[in-house]
Amino acid sequence: AWTKLNGWQQKAEKALLKAWKSSDNRLRARALWLLGNIKGKEDKYIRQALSDPNPDLRITSIRLAMQVSPNTLPYLQQAM
């Protein structure tokens, strides 16, 4: 499923946003990982997750930033 959704990129964004707004944090983390891999939207979703009240999602966003961005310093600064 991840491979298929990741391949759809922006076509899957609407459904992924619905999952991102869920109350299930495990589902939210999985949606974040896919949203943060949409070309041109990586920064938007990483920054959203960095300000999430859930610390697990903030950690996930930092890990995602390390994977998709050559410069993670701005994200780490925002996280502090």
PDB file of N, CA and C in Angstrom:
ATOM      1  N   ALA A   1       0.824  -1.190   0.000  1.00  0.00           N
ATOM      2  CA  ALA A   1       0.000   0.000   0.000  1.00  0.00           C
ATOM      3  C   ALA A   1       0.870   1.255   0.000  1.00  0.00           C
ATOM      4  N   TRP A   2       1.949   1.239   0.813  1.00  0.00           N
ATOM      5  CA  TRP A   2       2.820   2.414   0.885  1.00  0.00           C
ATOM      6  C   TRP A   2       3.407   2.722  -0.487  1.00  0.00           C
ATOM      7  N   THR A   3       3.887   1.709  -1.173  1.00  0.00           N
ATOM      8  CA  THR A   3       4.497   1.904  -2.488  1.00  0.00           C
ATOM      9  C   THR A   3       3.494   2.496  -3.470  1.00  0.00           C
ATOM     10  N   LYS A   4       2.276   1.996  -3.447  1.00  0.00           N
ATOM     11  CA  LYS A   4       1.242   2.482  -4.350  1.00  0.00           C
ATOM     12  C   LYS A   4       0.909   3.947  -4.029  1.00  0.00           C
ATOM     13  N   LEU A   5       0.661   4.253  -2.765  1.00  0.00           N
ATOM     14  CA  LEU A   5       0.337   5.630  -2.378  1.00  0.00           C
ATOM     15  C   LEU A   5       1.494   6.579  -2.666  1.00  0.00           C
ATOM     16  N   ASN A   6       2.697   6.141  -2.397  1.00  0.00           N
ATOM     17  CA  ASN A   6       3.863   6.974  -2.671  1.00  0.00           C
ATOM     18  C   ASN A   6       4.001   7.243  -4.168  1.00  0.00           C
ATOM     19  N   GLY A   7       3.681   6.275  -4.976  1.00  0.00           N
ATOM     20  CA  GLY A   7       3.734   6.442  -6.425  1.00  0.00           C
ATOM     21  C   GLY A   7       2.682   7.410  -6.944  1.00  0.00           C
ATOM     22  N   TRP A   8       1.558   7.493  -6.261  1.00  0.00           N
ATOM     23  CA  TRP A   8       0.487   8.401  -6.676  1.00  0.00           C
ATOM     24  C   TRP A   8       0.809   9.854  -6.355  1.00  0.00           C
ATOM     25  N   GLN A   9       1.723  10.078  -5.410  1.00  0.00           N
ATOM     26  CA  GLN A   9       2.146  11.424  -5.020  1.00  0.00           C
ATOM     27  C   GLN A   9       0.959  12.345  -4.723  1.00  0.00           C
ATOM     28  N   GLN A  10       0.785  13.429  -5.472  1.00  0.00           N
ATOM     29  CA  GLN A  10      -0.262  14.422  -5.179  1.00  0.00           C
ATOM     30  C   GLN A  10      -1.668  13.870  -5.364  1.00  0.00           C
ATOM     31  N   LYS A  11      -1.818  12.838  -6.154  1.00  0.00           N
ATOM     32  CA  LYS A  11      -3.144  12.235  -6.330  1.00  0.00           C
ATOM     33  C   LYS A  11      -3.638  11.595  -5.023  1.00  0.00           C
ATOM     34  N   ALA A  12      -2.721  11.200  -4.169  1.00  0.00           N
ATOM     35  CA  ALA A  12      -3.081  10.571  -2.896  1.00  0.00           C
ATOM     36  C   ALA A  12      -3.172  11.580  -1.753  1.00  0.00           C
ATOM     37  N   GLU A  13      -2.811  12.819  -2.018  1.00  0.00           N
ATOM     38  CA  GLU A  13      -2.712  13.816  -0.947  1.00  0.00           C
ATOM     39  C   GLU A  13      -4.031  14.002  -0.177  1.00  0.00           C
ATOM     40  N   LYS A  14      -5.143  14.089  -0.856  1.00  0.00           N
ATOM     41  CA  LYS A  14      -6.425  14.320  -0.188  1.00  0.00           C
ATOM     42  C   LYS A  14      -6.738  13.201   0.816  1.00  0.00           C
ATOM     43  N   ALA A  15      -6.559  11.969   0.398  1.00  0.00           N
ATOM     44  CA  ALA A  15      -6.812  10.833   1.296  1.00  0.00           C
ATOM     45  C   ALA A  15      -5.808  10.812   2.448  1.00  0.00           C
ATOM     46  N   LEU A  16      -4.570  11.153   2.157  1.00  0.00           N
ATOM     47  CA  LEU A  16      -3.546  11.170   3.204  1.00  0.00           C
ATOM     48  C   LEU A  16      -3.808  12.276   4.217  1.00  0.00           C
ATOM     49  N   LEU A  17      -4.318  13.403   3.761  1.00  0.00           N
ATOM     50  CA  LEU A  17      -4.657  14.484   4.688  1.00  0.00           C
ATOM     51  C   LEU A  17      -5.778  14.067   5.629  1.00  0.00           C
ATOM     52  N   LYS A  18      -6.706  13.296   5.127  1.00  0.00           N
ATOM     53  CA  LYS A  18      -7.775  12.782   5.980  1.00  0.00           C
ATOM     54  C   LYS A  18      -7.180  11.894   7.079  1.00  0.00           C
ATOM     55  N   ALA A  19      -6.241  11.047   6.715  1.00  0.00           N
ATOM     56  CA  ALA A  19      -5.569  10.187   7.696  1.00  0.00           C
ATOM     57  C   ALA A  19      -4.737  11.029   8.666  1.00  0.00           C
ATOM     58  N   TRP A  20      -4.087  12.082   8.174  1.00  0.00           N
ATOM     59  CA  TRP A  20      -3.265  12.964   8.997  1.00  0.00           C
ATOM     60  C   TRP A  20      -4.111  13.642  10.079  1.00  0.00           C
ATOM     61  N   LYS A  21      -5.387  13.899   9.788  1.00  0.00           N
ATOM     62  CA  LYS A  21      -6.273  14.575  10.738  1.00  0.00           C
ATOM     63  C   LYS A  21      -6.971  13.592  11.685  1.00  0.00           C
ATOM     64  N   SER A  22      -6.641  12.334  11.577  1.00  0.00           N
ATOM     65  CA  SER A  22      -7.225  11.289  12.410  1.00  0.00           C
ATOM     66  C   SER A  22      -6.790  11.450  13.871  1.00  0.00           C
ATOM     67  N   SER A  23      -7.480  10.783  14.761  1.00  0.00           N
ATOM     68  CA  SER A  23      -7.077  10.779  16.173  1.00  0.00           C
ATOM     69  C   SER A  23      -6.119   9.619  16.470  1.00  0.00           C
ATOM     70  N   ASP A  24      -5.919   8.745  15.509  1.00  0.00           N
ATOM     71  CA  ASP A  24      -5.026   7.591  15.656  1.00  0.00           C
ATOM     72  C   ASP A  24      -3.604   8.019  15.301  1.00  0.00           C
ATOM     73  N   ASN A  25      -2.755   8.134  16.297  1.00  0.00           N
ATOM     74  CA  ASN A  25      -1.402   8.642  16.059  1.00  0.00           C
ATOM     75  C   ASN A  25      -0.544   7.719  15.198  1.00  0.00           C
ATOM     76  N   ARG A  26      -0.794   6.438  15.252  1.00  0.00           N
ATOM     77  CA  ARG A  26      -0.056   5.513  14.389  1.00  0.00           C
ATOM     78  C   ARG A  26      -0.410   5.776  12.927  1.00  0.00           C
ATOM     79  N   LEU A  27      -1.690   5.963  12.649  1.00  0.00           N
ATOM     80  CA  LEU A  27      -2.147   6.287  11.300  1.00  0.00           C
ATOM     81  C   LEU A  27      -1.608   7.646  10.863  1.00  0.00           C
ATOM     82  N   ARG A  28      -1.591   8.592  11.773  1.00  0.00           N
ATOM     83  CA  ARG A  28      -1.064   9.927  11.464  1.00  0.00           C
ATOM     84  C   ARG A  28       0.416   9.860  11.078  1.00  0.00           C
ATOM     85  N   ALA A  29       1.186   9.067  11.797  1.00  0.00           N
ATOM     86  CA  ALA A  29       2.614   8.937  11.494  1.00  0.00           C
ATOM     87  C   ALA A  29       2.829   8.324  10.113  1.00  0.00           C
ATOM     88  N   ARG A  30       2.036   7.342   9.778  1.00  0.00           N
ATOM     89  CA  ARG A  30       2.160   6.718   8.461  1.00  0.00           C
ATOM     90  C   ARG A  30       1.766   7.693   7.356  1.00  0.00           C
ATOM     91  N   ALA A  31       0.701   8.469   7.603  1.00  0.00           N
ATOM     92  CA  ALA A  31       0.279   9.473   6.627  1.00  0.00           C
ATOM     93  C   ALA A  31       1.350  10.547   6.476  1.00  0.00           C
ATOM     94  N   LEU A  32       1.939  10.956   7.594  1.00  0.00           N
ATOM     95  CA  LEU A  32       2.998  11.969   7.547  1.00  0.00           C
ATOM     96  C   LEU A  32       4.154  11.506   6.679  1.00  0.00           C
ATOM     97  N   TRP A  33       4.546  10.265   6.839  1.00  0.00           N
ATOM     98  CA  TRP A  33       5.680   9.759   6.070  1.00  0.00           C
ATOM     99  C   TRP A  33       5.409   9.842   4.569  1.00  0.00           C
ATOM    100  N   LEU A  34       4.181   9.557   4.173  1.00  0.00           N
ATOM    101  CA  LEU A  34       3.815   9.648   2.757  1.00  0.00           C
ATOM    102  C   LEU A  34       3.651  11.094   2.318  1.00  0.00           C
ATOM    103  N   LEU A  35       3.010  11.921   3.145  1.00  0.00           N
ATOM    104  CA  LEU A  35       2.839  13.332   2.793  1.00  0.00           C
ATOM    105  C   LEU A  35       4.194  14.016   2.650  1.00  0.00           C
ATOM    106  N   GLY A  36       5.117  13.677   3.526  1.00  0.00           N
ATOM    107  CA  GLY A  36       6.444  14.274   3.492  1.00  0.00           C
ATOM    108  C   GLY A  36       7.304  13.789   2.344  1.00  0.00           C
ATOM    109  N   ASN A  37       6.826  12.824   1.605  1.00  0.00           N
ATOM    110  CA  ASN A  37       7.541  12.332   0.427  1.00  0.00           C
ATOM    111  C   ASN A  37       6.911  12.812  -0.874  1.00  0.00           C
ATOM    112  N   ILE A  38       5.877  13.657  -0.797  1.00  0.00           N
ATOM    113  CA  ILE A  38       5.281  14.221  -2.004  1.00  0.00           C
ATOM    114  C   ILE A  38       6.212  15.310  -2.519  1.00  0.00           C
ATOM    115  N   LYS A  39       6.648  15.166  -3.740  1.00  0.00           N
ATOM    116  CA  LYS A  39       7.598  16.110  -4.329  1.00  0.00           C
ATOM    117  C   LYS A  39       7.063  17.543  -4.264  1.00  0.00           C
ATOM    118  N   GLY A  40       7.879  18.435  -3.717  1.00  0.00           N
ATOM    119  CA  GLY A  40       7.519  19.835  -3.594  1.00  0.00           C
ATOM    120  C   GLY A  40       6.713  20.175  -2.349  1.00  0.00           C
ATOM    121  N   LYS A  41       6.310  19.174  -1.581  1.00  0.00           N
ATOM    122  CA  LYS A  41       5.494  19.419  -0.385  1.00  0.00           C
ATOM    123  C   LYS A  41       6.191  18.924   0.890  1.00  0.00           C
ATOM    124  N   GLU A  42       7.409  18.463   0.742  1.00  0.00           N
ATOM    125  CA  GLU A  42       8.129  17.894   1.878  1.00  0.00           C
ATOM    126  C   GLU A  42       8.191  18.893   3.045  1.00  0.00           C
ATOM    127  N   ASP A  43       8.656  20.101   2.751  1.00  0.00           N
ATOM    128  CA  ASP A  43       8.853  21.126   3.774  1.00  0.00           C
ATOM    129  C   ASP A  43       7.547  21.442   4.500  1.00  0.00           C
ATOM    130  N   LYS A  44       6.484  21.591   3.761  1.00  0.00           N
ATOM    131  CA  LYS A  44       5.180  21.936   4.330  1.00  0.00           C
ATOM    132  C   LYS A  44       4.755  20.944   5.407  1.00  0.00           C
ATOM    133  N   TYR A  45       4.830  19.667   5.088  1.00  0.00           N
ATOM    134  CA  TYR A  45       4.340  18.655   6.032  1.00  0.00           C
ATOM    135  C   TYR A  45       5.322  18.385   7.164  1.00  0.00           C
ATOM    136  N   ILE A  46       6.602  18.491   6.897  1.00  0.00           N
ATOM    137  CA  ILE A  46       7.578  18.324   7.982  1.00  0.00           C
ATOM    138  C   ILE A  46       7.390  19.437   9.002  1.00  0.00           C
ATOM    139  N   ARG A  47       7.244  20.658   8.532  1.00  0.00           N
ATOM    140  CA  ARG A  47       7.056  21.792   9.454  1.00  0.00           C
ATOM    141  C   ARG A  47       5.746  21.681  10.225  1.00  0.00           C
ATOM    142  N   GLN A  48       4.691  21.223   9.587  1.00  0.00           N
ATOM    143  CA  GLN A  48       3.417  21.021  10.307  1.00  0.00           C
ATOM    144  C   GLN A  48       3.606  20.035  11.449  1.00  0.00           C
ATOM    145  N   ALA A  49       4.269  18.946  11.166  1.00  0.00           N
ATOM    146  CA  ALA A  49       4.450  17.904  12.175  1.00  0.00           C
ATOM    147  C   ALA A  49       5.395  18.342  13.288  1.00  0.00           C
ATOM    148  N   LEU A  50       6.338  19.208  12.977  1.00  0.00           N
ATOM    149  CA  LEU A  50       7.262  19.694  14.005  1.00  0.00           C
ATOM    150  C   LEU A  50       6.540  20.480  15.096  1.00  0.00           C
ATOM    151  N   SER A  51       5.389  21.030  14.785  1.00  0.00           N
ATOM    152  CA  SER A  51       4.648  21.792  15.792  1.00  0.00           C
ATOM    153  C   SER A  51       3.473  20.991  16.372  1.00  0.00           C
ATOM    154  N   ASP A  52       3.410  19.718  16.072  1.00  0.00           N
ATOM    155  CA  ASP A  52       2.334  18.875  16.587  1.00  0.00           C
ATOM    156  C   ASP A  52       2.516  18.664  18.096  1.00  0.00           C
ATOM    157  N   PRO A  53       1.418  18.612  18.836  1.00  0.00           N
ATOM    158  CA  PRO A  53       1.544  18.381  20.282  1.00  0.00           C
ATOM    159  C   PRO A  53       2.087  16.994  20.649  1.00  0.00           C
ATOM    160  N   ASN A  54       1.973  16.036  19.741  1.00  0.00           N
ATOM    161  CA  ASN A  54       2.433  14.678  20.025  1.00  0.00           C
ATOM    162  C   ASN A  54       3.943  14.566  19.776  1.00  0.00           C
ATOM    163  N   PRO A  55       4.727  14.252  20.806  1.00  0.00           N
ATOM    164  CA  PRO A  55       6.184  14.176  20.631  1.00  0.00           C
ATOM    165  C   PRO A  55       6.621  13.075  19.661  1.00  0.00           C
ATOM    166  N   ASP A  56       5.864  11.994  19.569  1.00  0.00           N
ATOM    167  CA  ASP A  56       6.226  10.921  18.636  1.00  0.00           C
ATOM    168  C   ASP A  56       6.134  11.408  17.186  1.00  0.00           C
ATOM    169  N   LEU A  57       5.149  12.240  16.904  1.00  0.00           N
ATOM    170  CA  LEU A  57       5.022  12.786  15.552  1.00  0.00           C
ATOM    171  C   LEU A  57       6.111  13.813  15.265  1.00  0.00           C
ATOM    172  N   ARG A  58       6.511  14.547  16.274  1.00  0.00           N
ATOM    173  CA  ARG A  58       7.626  15.496  16.086  1.00  0.00           C
ATOM    174  C   ARG A  58       8.918  14.733  15.778  1.00  0.00           C
ATOM    175  N   ILE A  59       9.128  13.640  16.476  1.00  0.00           N
ATOM    176  CA  ILE A  59      10.313  12.809  16.228  1.00  0.00           C
ATOM    177  C   ILE A  59      10.247  12.227  14.818  1.00  0.00           C
ATOM    178  N   THR A  60       9.075  11.760  14.429  1.00  0.00           N
ATOM    179  CA  THR A  60       8.898  11.215  13.081  1.00  0.00           C
ATOM    180  C   THR A  60       9.225  12.271  12.039  1.00  0.00           C
ATOM    181  N   SER A  61       8.819  13.512  12.287  1.00  0.00           N
ATOM    182  CA  SER A  61       9.095  14.574  11.313  1.00  0.00           C
ATOM    183  C   SER A  61      10.595  14.836  11.189  1.00  0.00           C
ATOM    184  N   ILE A  62      11.325  14.741  12.277  1.00  0.00           N
ATOM    185  CA  ILE A  62      12.782  14.932  12.210  1.00  0.00           C
ATOM    186  C   ILE A  62      13.424  13.789  11.427  1.00  0.00           C
ATOM    187  N   ARG A  63      12.976  12.584  11.656  1.00  0.00           N
ATOM    188  CA  ARG A  63      13.501  11.436  10.902  1.00  0.00           C
ATOM    189  C   ARG A  63      13.181  11.572   9.415  1.00  0.00           C
ATOM    190  N   LEU A  64      11.985  12.026   9.132  1.00  0.00           N
ATOM    191  CA  LEU A  64      11.591  12.252   7.742  1.00  0.00           C
ATOM    192  C   LEU A  64      12.459  13.333   7.113  1.00  0.00           C
ATOM    193  N   ALA A  65      12.695  14.406   7.828  1.00  0.00           N
ATOM    194  CA  ALA A  65      13.544  15.484   7.314  1.00  0.00           C
ATOM    195  C   ALA A  65      14.950  14.974   6.997  1.00  0.00           C
ATOM    196  N   MET A  66      15.468  14.113   7.852  1.00  0.00           N
ATOM    197  CA  MET A  66      16.808  13.556   7.618  1.00  0.00           C
ATOM    198  C   MET A  66      16.838  12.725   6.340  1.00  0.00           C
ATOM    199  N   GLN A  67      15.716  12.139   5.980  1.00  0.00           N
ATOM    200  CA  GLN A  67      15.664  11.312   4.776  1.00  0.00           C
ATOM    201  C   GLN A  67      15.478  12.148   3.505  1.00  0.00           C
ATOM    202  N   VAL A  68      14.654  13.183   3.567  1.00  0.00           N
ATOM    203  CA  VAL A  68      14.285  13.891   2.331  1.00  0.00           C
ATOM    204  C   VAL A  68      15.007  15.212   2.114  1.00  0.00           C
ATOM    205  N   SER A  69      15.689  15.728   3.114  1.00  0.00           N
ATOM    206  CA  SER A  69      16.309  17.037   2.977  1.00  0.00           C
ATOM    207  C   SER A  69      17.826  16.962   3.140  1.00  0.00           C
ATOM    208  N   PRO A  70      18.554  17.658   2.275  1.00  0.00           N
ATOM    209  CA  PRO A  70      20.007  17.676   2.440  1.00  0.00           C
ATOM    210  C   PRO A  70      20.437  18.549   3.618  1.00  0.00           C
ATOM    211  N   ASN A  71      19.559  19.424   4.092  1.00  0.00           N
ATOM    212  CA  ASN A  71      19.893  20.321   5.194  1.00  0.00           C
ATOM    213  C   ASN A  71      18.808  20.232   6.268  1.00  0.00           C
ATOM    214  N   THR A  72      19.088  19.519   7.333  1.00  0.00           N
ATOM    215  CA  THR A  72      18.094  19.336   8.382  1.00  0.00           C
ATOM    216  C   THR A  72      18.194  20.404   9.488  1.00  0.00           C
ATOM    217  N   LEU A  73      19.212  21.240   9.439  1.00  0.00           N
ATOM    218  CA  LEU A  73      19.407  22.237  10.487  1.00  0.00           C
ATOM    219  C   LEU A  73      18.188  23.135  10.716  1.00  0.00           C
ATOM    220  N   PRO A  74      17.543  23.666   9.675  1.00  0.00           N
ATOM    221  CA  PRO A  74      16.362  24.508   9.938  1.00  0.00           C
ATOM    222  C   PRO A  74      15.250  23.750  10.664  1.00  0.00           C
ATOM    223  N   TYR A  75      15.101  22.483  10.386  1.00  0.00           N
ATOM    224  CA  TYR A  75      14.068  21.685  11.051  1.00  0.00           C
ATOM    225  C   TYR A  75      14.440  21.451  12.522  1.00  0.00           C
ATOM    226  N   LEU A  76      15.691  21.183  12.764  1.00  0.00           N
ATOM    227  CA  LEU A  76      16.129  20.973  14.133  1.00  0.00           C
ATOM    228  C   LEU A  76      15.990  22.250  14.935  1.00  0.00           C
ATOM    229  N   GLN A  77      16.266  23.390  14.318  1.00  0.00           N
ATOM    230  CA  GLN A  77      16.097  24.663  15.006  1.00  0.00           C
ATOM    231  C   GLN A  77      14.627  24.916  15.343  1.00  0.00           C
ATOM    232  N   GLN A  78      13.731  24.588  14.434  1.00  0.00           N
ATOM    233  CA  GLN A  78      12.301  24.765  14.689  1.00  0.00           C
ATOM    234  C   GLN A  78      11.847  23.842  15.816  1.00  0.00           C
ATOM    235  N   ALA A  79      12.427  22.664  15.888  1.00  0.00           N
ATOM    236  CA  ALA A  79      12.029  21.687  16.896  1.00  0.00           C
ATOM    237  C   ALA A  79      12.412  22.122  18.313  1.00  0.00           C
ATOM    238  N   MET A  80      13.390  22.990  18.407  1.00  0.00           N
ATOM    239  CA  MET A  80      13.854  23.417  19.736  1.00  0.00           C
ATOM    240  C   MET A  80      12.945  24.456  20.234  1.00  0.00           C
TER     241      MET A  80
END
